[in-house]
Amino acid sequence: MATWNPADRDAAIARGSAGGKLSDHEKEKLVEATRQAGSVGTAARQALQKAK
């Protein structure tokens, strides 16, 4: 399994927020990020909603 760091998370959030396609791994990790309080959790939630 690939590693996941803040740069990967930010890239996935940006791509998802723009309506881009996310891999299964990215979706799984963003679902985990939605459980965080604050801006990261909110951004992850919004990216998942907009992603294809």
C-alpha atoms as a PDB file:
ATOM      1  CA  MET A   1       0.000   0.000   0.000  1.00  0.00           C
ATOM      2  CA  ALA A   2       1.244   3.458  -0.857  1.00  0.00           C
ATOM      3  CA  THR A   3       2.279   5.880   1.849  1.00  0.00           C
ATOM      4  CA  TRP A   4       0.043   8.851   2.610  1.00  0.00           C
ATOM      5  CA  ASN A   5       1.518  12.188   3.631  1.00  0.00           C
ATOM      6  CA  PRO A   6       0.136  15.729   3.904  1.00  0.00           C
ATOM      7  CA  ALA A   7       1.199  16.574   0.332  1.00  0.00           C
ATOM      8  CA  ASP A   8      -0.697  13.517  -0.982  1.00  0.00           C
ATOM      9  CA  ARG A   9      -3.729  14.476   1.081  1.00  0.00           C
ATOM     10  CA  ASP A  10      -3.663  18.058  -0.181  1.00  0.00           C
ATOM     11  CA  ALA A  11      -3.323  16.889  -3.793  1.00  0.00           C
ATOM     12  CA  ALA A  12      -6.273  14.503  -3.417  1.00  0.00           C
ATOM     13  CA  ILE A  13      -8.383  17.231  -1.810  1.00  0.00           C
ATOM     14  CA  ALA A  14      -7.534  19.647  -4.623  1.00  0.00           C
ATOM     15  CA  ARG A  15      -8.310  17.089  -7.346  1.00  0.00           C
ATOM     16  CA  GLY A  16     -11.548  16.001  -5.683  1.00  0.00           C
ATOM     17  CA  SER A  17     -12.659  19.572  -5.060  1.00  0.00           C
ATOM     18  CA  ALA A  18     -12.150  20.306  -8.755  1.00  0.00           C
ATOM     19  CA  GLY A  19     -14.401  17.373  -9.657  1.00  0.00           C
ATOM     20  CA  GLY A  20     -11.550  15.077 -10.640  1.00  0.00           C
ATOM     21  CA  LYS A  21     -11.373  11.315 -10.264  1.00  0.00           C
ATOM     22  CA  LEU A  22      -9.930   9.863  -7.066  1.00  0.00           C
ATOM     23  CA  SER A  23      -8.420   6.410  -6.674  1.00  0.00           C
ATOM     24  CA  ASP A  24      -9.953   3.961  -4.206  1.00  0.00           C
ATOM     25  CA  HIS A  25      -6.979   4.523  -1.899  1.00  0.00           C
ATOM     26  CA  GLU A  26      -7.430   8.297  -2.017  1.00  0.00           C
ATOM     27  CA  LYS A  27     -11.144   7.967  -1.279  1.00  0.00           C
ATOM     28  CA  GLU A  28     -10.439   5.684   1.679  1.00  0.00           C
ATOM     29  CA  LYS A  29      -7.853   8.049   3.124  1.00  0.00           C
ATOM     30  CA  LEU A  30     -10.106  11.081   2.630  1.00  0.00           C
ATOM     31  CA  VAL A  31     -12.926   9.279   4.436  1.00  0.00           C
ATOM     32  CA  GLU A  32     -10.510   8.843   7.346  1.00  0.00           C
ATOM     33  CA  ALA A  33      -9.628  12.563   7.121  1.00  0.00           C
ATOM     34  CA  THR A  34     -13.308  13.548   7.375  1.00  0.00           C
ATOM     35  CA  ARG A  35     -13.235  12.333  10.966  1.00  0.00           C
ATOM     36  CA  GLN A  36     -10.733  15.068  11.840  1.00  0.00           C
ATOM     37  CA  ALA A  37     -11.937  18.315  13.310  1.00  0.00           C
ATOM     38  CA  GLY A  38     -11.207  21.581  11.597  1.00  0.00           C
ATOM     39  CA  SER A  39     -10.352  22.580   8.078  1.00  0.00           C
ATOM     40  CA  VAL A  40      -8.810  19.252   7.002  1.00  0.00           C
ATOM     41  CA  GLY A  41     -11.947  17.310   7.824  1.00  0.00           C
ATOM     42  CA  THR A  42     -14.177  19.885   6.147  1.00  0.00           C
ATOM     43  CA  ALA A  43     -12.008  20.037   3.019  1.00  0.00           C
ATOM     44  CA  ALA A  44     -11.909  16.239   2.774  1.00  0.00           C
ATOM     45  CA  ARG A  45     -15.702  16.020   3.092  1.00  0.00           C
ATOM     46  CA  GLN A  46     -16.211  18.617   0.368  1.00  0.00           C
ATOM     47  CA  ALA A  47     -13.679  16.944  -1.934  1.00  0.00           C
ATOM     48  CA  LEU A  48     -15.436  13.587  -1.608  1.00  0.00           C
ATOM     49  CA  GLN A  49     -18.779  15.180  -2.428  1.00  0.00           C
ATOM     50  CA  LYS A  50     -17.457  16.847  -5.594  1.00  0.00           C
ATOM     51  CA  ALA A  51     -15.178  14.036  -6.822  1.00  0.00           C
ATOM     52  CA  LYS A  52     -16.169  11.725  -9.646  1.00  0.00           C
END
